[in-house]
Amino acid sequence: MKKSYVYILASKKNGTLYVGVTSDLVNRVRKHKQGIVLGFTHKYRVNKLVYFETHNNIKNAITREKRIKKWKRSWKIRLIEDGNSLWEDLYLKLV
């Protein structure tokens, strides 16, 4: 099975957040960074990968993404800070 990812992008620490899902994390975040993905992330310059998790299939990843999107902002921030307290751009560690 192909791995899938749920990810959270931020504009800056405690800034605007975006939750997404993909089967190619590096390529998808690269597109956000290059401004190729038009819409919300482009408009608000949300392109810093601050959180991601791996799933064994896209169905589970989509279910998780939808669940996280419904969370309160404070819960999303806690999720990020539990694994990335400095809000580092994790993309730099993937490439």
N, C-alpha and C. Protein backbone atom coordinates (compact mmCIF):
# COMPACT_ATOMS: atom_id res chain seq x y z
N MET A 1 0.83 -1.19 0.00
CA MET A 1 0.00 0.00 0.00
C MET A 1 0.87 1.26 0.00
N LYS A 2 0.37 2.26 -0.67
CA LYS A 2 1.09 3.52 -0.73
C LYS A 2 0.79 4.34 0.51
N LYS A 3 1.83 4.90 1.09
CA LYS A 3 1.66 5.72 2.28
C LYS A 3 1.00 7.05 1.91
N SER A 4 0.27 7.59 2.87
CA SER A 4 -0.38 8.88 2.72
C SER A 4 -0.07 9.70 3.96
N TYR A 5 -0.26 11.00 3.84
CA TYR A 5 0.13 11.91 4.91
C TYR A 5 -0.96 12.94 5.19
N VAL A 6 -1.14 13.22 6.46
CA VAL A 6 -1.93 14.37 6.89
C VAL A 6 -0.90 15.39 7.35
N TYR A 7 -1.07 16.63 6.94
CA TYR A 7 -0.07 17.63 7.26
C TYR A 7 -0.73 18.94 7.68
N ILE A 8 0.03 19.72 8.44
CA ILE A 8 -0.42 21.05 8.82
C ILE A 8 0.65 22.04 8.40
N LEU A 9 0.21 23.06 7.67
CA LEU A 9 1.07 24.17 7.28
C LEU A 9 0.70 25.38 8.13
N ALA A 10 1.66 26.24 8.36
CA ALA A 10 1.43 27.49 9.10
C ALA A 10 2.10 28.63 8.36
N SER A 11 1.56 29.82 8.55
CA SER A 11 2.19 31.01 7.97
C SER A 11 3.38 31.44 8.83
N LYS A 12 3.28 31.20 10.13
CA LYS A 12 4.33 31.52 11.11
C LYS A 12 3.89 30.89 12.43
N LYS A 13 4.69 31.02 13.46
CA LYS A 13 4.31 30.48 14.77
C LYS A 13 3.01 31.14 15.21
N ASN A 14 2.04 30.30 15.59
CA ASN A 14 0.71 30.75 16.00
C ASN A 14 -0.03 31.53 14.93
N GLY A 15 0.39 31.36 13.68
CA GLY A 15 -0.24 32.06 12.56
C GLY A 15 -1.39 31.28 11.97
N THR A 16 -1.69 31.57 10.72
CA THR A 16 -2.76 30.90 9.99
C THR A 16 -2.37 29.45 9.75
N LEU A 17 -3.33 28.54 9.95
CA LEU A 17 -3.08 27.11 9.80
C LEU A 17 -3.88 26.54 8.63
N TYR A 18 -3.32 25.50 8.02
CA TYR A 18 -3.99 24.77 6.95
C TYR A 18 -3.74 23.28 7.17
N VAL A 19 -4.79 22.48 7.11
CA VAL A 19 -4.68 21.03 7.25
C VAL A 19 -4.96 20.41 5.89
N GLY A 20 -4.06 19.52 5.45
CA GLY A 20 -4.22 18.87 4.16
C GLY A 20 -3.87 17.40 4.20
N VAL A 21 -4.08 16.74 3.07
CA VAL A 21 -3.77 15.32 2.93
C VAL A 21 -3.13 15.11 1.56
N THR A 22 -2.18 14.19 1.48
CA THR A 22 -1.49 13.92 0.22
C THR A 22 -0.85 12.54 0.26
N SER A 23 -0.51 12.03 -0.91
CA SER A 23 0.25 10.78 -0.98
C SER A 23 1.72 11.07 -1.31
N ASP A 24 2.05 12.33 -1.54
CA ASP A 24 3.43 12.73 -1.85
C ASP A 24 3.73 14.02 -1.08
N LEU A 25 4.16 13.87 0.15
CA LEU A 25 4.32 15.01 1.05
C LEU A 25 5.35 16.02 0.55
N VAL A 26 6.52 15.56 0.15
CA VAL A 26 7.57 16.48 -0.28
C VAL A 26 7.11 17.30 -1.48
N ASN A 27 6.56 16.65 -2.47
CA ASN A 27 6.11 17.35 -3.67
C ASN A 27 4.96 18.32 -3.36
N ARG A 28 4.03 17.90 -2.54
CA ARG A 28 2.88 18.75 -2.22
C ARG A 28 3.32 20.01 -1.47
N VAL A 29 4.20 19.86 -0.48
CA VAL A 29 4.67 21.03 0.28
C VAL A 29 5.51 21.92 -0.63
N ARG A 30 6.30 21.33 -1.51
CA ARG A 30 7.08 22.12 -2.47
C ARG A 30 6.15 23.00 -3.30
N LYS A 31 5.04 22.44 -3.74
CA LYS A 31 4.07 23.21 -4.54
C LYS A 31 3.47 24.35 -3.72
N HIS A 32 3.18 24.10 -2.45
CA HIS A 32 2.68 25.18 -1.59
C HIS A 32 3.74 26.28 -1.48
N LYS A 33 4.98 25.90 -1.29
CA LYS A 33 6.07 26.86 -1.13
C LYS A 33 6.29 27.68 -2.41
N GLN A 34 6.12 27.06 -3.55
CA GLN A 34 6.33 27.74 -4.83
C GLN A 34 5.12 28.56 -5.26
N GLY A 35 4.03 28.45 -4.50
CA GLY A 35 2.82 29.20 -4.85
C GLY A 35 2.02 28.58 -5.98
N ILE A 36 2.31 27.33 -6.30
CA ILE A 36 1.60 26.64 -7.38
C ILE A 36 0.18 26.26 -6.95
N VAL A 37 0.02 25.98 -5.66
CA VAL A 37 -1.30 25.62 -5.13
C VAL A 37 -2.04 26.93 -4.84
N LEU A 38 -2.93 27.29 -5.74
CA LEU A 38 -3.66 28.54 -5.57
C LEU A 38 -4.79 28.35 -4.57
N GLY A 39 -5.27 29.43 -4.03
CA GLY A 39 -6.35 29.37 -3.06
C GLY A 39 -5.90 29.85 -1.70
N PHE A 40 -6.42 29.23 -0.67
CA PHE A 40 -6.21 29.66 0.71
C PHE A 40 -4.73 29.79 1.08
N THR A 41 -3.95 28.74 0.83
CA THR A 41 -2.55 28.75 1.25
C THR A 41 -1.74 29.80 0.49
N HIS A 42 -2.06 29.99 -0.75
CA HIS A 42 -1.38 31.00 -1.55
C HIS A 42 -1.75 32.40 -1.07
N LYS A 43 -3.03 32.63 -0.88
CA LYS A 43 -3.53 33.95 -0.46
C LYS A 43 -2.93 34.39 0.87
N TYR A 44 -2.83 33.47 1.83
CA TYR A 44 -2.36 33.81 3.17
C TYR A 44 -0.91 33.41 3.43
N ARG A 45 -0.21 32.99 2.39
CA ARG A 45 1.20 32.58 2.48
C ARG A 45 1.43 31.53 3.57
N VAL A 46 0.61 30.52 3.53
CA VAL A 46 0.70 29.41 4.49
C VAL A 46 1.53 28.31 3.82
N ASN A 47 2.81 28.23 4.14
CA ASN A 47 3.67 27.29 3.42
C ASN A 47 4.78 26.67 4.28
N LYS A 48 4.65 26.75 5.58
CA LYS A 48 5.65 26.20 6.49
C LYS A 48 5.11 24.89 7.07
N LEU A 49 5.75 23.78 6.76
CA LEU A 49 5.30 22.47 7.25
C LEU A 49 5.66 22.34 8.73
N VAL A 50 4.65 22.36 9.59
CA VAL A 50 4.91 22.31 11.03
C VAL A 50 4.48 21.00 11.68
N TYR A 51 3.74 20.16 10.92
CA TYR A 51 3.29 18.89 11.48
C TYR A 51 2.92 17.96 10.32
N PHE A 52 3.22 16.67 10.49
CA PHE A 52 2.69 15.67 9.57
C PHE A 52 2.66 14.33 10.26
N GLU A 53 1.79 13.48 9.76
CA GLU A 53 1.70 12.10 10.24
C GLU A 53 1.50 11.19 9.05
N THR A 54 1.97 9.97 9.17
CA THR A 54 1.93 9.00 8.09
C THR A 54 0.80 7.99 8.32
N HIS A 55 0.13 7.64 7.23
CA HIS A 55 -0.94 6.63 7.27
C HIS A 55 -0.67 5.58 6.21
N ASN A 56 -1.19 4.39 6.43
CA ASN A 56 -0.95 3.29 5.49
C ASN A 56 -1.80 3.36 4.23
N ASN A 57 -2.87 4.14 4.25
CA ASN A 57 -3.68 4.29 3.05
C ASN A 57 -4.39 5.64 3.05
N ILE A 58 -4.80 6.05 1.88
CA ILE A 58 -5.38 7.38 1.71
C ILE A 58 -6.73 7.51 2.42
N LYS A 59 -7.48 6.43 2.50
CA LYS A 59 -8.79 6.49 3.17
C LYS A 59 -8.63 6.88 4.64
N ASN A 60 -7.69 6.24 5.32
CA ASN A 60 -7.45 6.58 6.73
C ASN A 60 -6.94 8.01 6.88
N ALA A 61 -6.09 8.43 5.96
CA ALA A 61 -5.54 9.78 6.01
C ALA A 61 -6.65 10.82 5.81
N ILE A 62 -7.55 10.58 4.88
CA ILE A 62 -8.65 11.52 4.64
C ILE A 62 -9.57 11.59 5.85
N THR A 63 -9.85 10.46 6.47
CA THR A 63 -10.68 10.44 7.67
C THR A 63 -10.03 11.26 8.78
N ARG A 64 -8.74 11.08 8.96
CA ARG A 64 -8.01 11.83 9.99
C ARG A 64 -7.97 13.33 9.66
N GLU A 65 -7.73 13.66 8.41
CA GLU A 65 -7.71 15.07 7.99
C GLU A 65 -9.04 15.75 8.31
N LYS A 66 -10.13 15.10 7.96
CA LYS A 66 -11.46 15.68 8.22
C LYS A 66 -11.69 15.87 9.70
N ARG A 67 -11.22 14.93 10.51
CA ARG A 67 -11.37 15.03 11.96
C ARG A 67 -10.59 16.23 12.51
N ILE A 68 -9.33 16.35 12.09
CA ILE A 68 -8.48 17.46 12.57
C ILE A 68 -9.05 18.80 12.13
N LYS A 69 -9.57 18.88 10.91
CA LYS A 69 -10.14 20.14 10.42
C LYS A 69 -11.28 20.64 11.30
N LYS A 70 -11.97 19.72 11.95
CA LYS A 70 -13.09 20.10 12.82
C LYS A 70 -12.65 20.51 14.22
N TRP A 71 -11.40 20.25 14.55
CA TRP A 71 -10.89 20.56 15.88
C TRP A 71 -10.86 22.05 16.15
N LYS A 72 -10.87 22.39 17.43
CA LYS A 72 -10.63 23.77 17.85
C LYS A 72 -9.19 24.13 17.51
N ARG A 73 -8.97 25.39 17.25
CA ARG A 73 -7.62 25.87 16.93
C ARG A 73 -6.61 25.50 18.02
N SER A 74 -7.02 25.62 19.27
CA SER A 74 -6.10 25.32 20.39
C SER A 74 -5.66 23.85 20.36
N TRP A 75 -6.52 22.96 19.93
CA TRP A 75 -6.15 21.54 19.84
C TRP A 75 -5.11 21.34 18.74
N LYS A 76 -5.29 22.03 17.61
CA LYS A 76 -4.33 21.92 16.51
C LYS A 76 -2.97 22.46 16.94
N ILE A 77 -2.98 23.57 17.66
CA ILE A 77 -1.72 24.14 18.14
C ILE A 77 -1.03 23.18 19.11
N ARG A 78 -1.80 22.55 19.97
CA ARG A 78 -1.22 21.58 20.90
C ARG A 78 -0.62 20.39 20.14
N LEU A 79 -1.31 19.94 19.11
CA LEU A 79 -0.80 18.83 18.28
C LEU A 79 0.55 19.21 17.66
N ILE A 80 0.63 20.41 17.13
CA ILE A 80 1.88 20.90 16.53
C ILE A 80 2.97 20.97 17.59
N GLU A 81 2.67 21.62 18.70
CA GLU A 81 3.70 21.88 19.70
C GLU A 81 4.15 20.64 20.45
N ASP A 82 3.31 19.60 20.49
CA ASP A 82 3.73 18.35 21.13
C ASP A 82 4.93 17.73 20.41
N GLY A 83 5.03 17.93 19.10
CA GLY A 83 6.13 17.35 18.36
C GLY A 83 7.09 18.36 17.75
N ASN A 84 6.70 19.63 17.79
CA ASN A 84 7.49 20.67 17.12
C ASN A 84 7.31 21.99 17.87
N SER A 85 7.82 22.03 19.08
CA SER A 85 7.58 23.17 19.97
C SER A 85 8.13 24.49 19.43
N LEU A 86 9.13 24.42 18.55
CA LEU A 86 9.72 25.64 17.99
C LEU A 86 9.08 26.05 16.65
N TRP A 87 8.11 25.26 16.20
CA TRP A 87 7.43 25.52 14.93
C TRP A 87 8.44 25.57 13.78
N GLU A 88 9.40 24.65 13.81
CA GLU A 88 10.38 24.59 12.72
C GLU A 88 9.72 24.12 11.44
N ASP A 89 10.27 24.51 10.31
CA ASP A 89 9.77 24.05 9.02
C ASP A 89 10.31 22.65 8.78
N LEU A 90 9.48 21.65 8.97
CA LEU A 90 9.88 20.24 8.86
C LEU A 90 10.22 19.84 7.43
N TYR A 91 9.76 20.61 6.49
CA TYR A 91 10.09 20.34 5.07
C TYR A 91 11.60 20.31 4.86
N LEU A 92 12.31 21.17 5.56
CA LEU A 92 13.76 21.26 5.41
C LEU A 92 14.45 19.96 5.85
N LYS A 93 13.81 19.19 6.71
CA LYS A 93 14.36 17.92 7.15
C LYS A 93 14.01 16.77 6.20
N LEU A 94 13.04 16.99 5.33
CA LEU A 94 12.58 15.95 4.41
C LEU A 94 13.34 15.97 3.09
N VAL A 95 13.87 17.12 2.72
CA VAL A 95 14.52 17.24 1.40
C VAL A 95 16.03 17.14 1.51
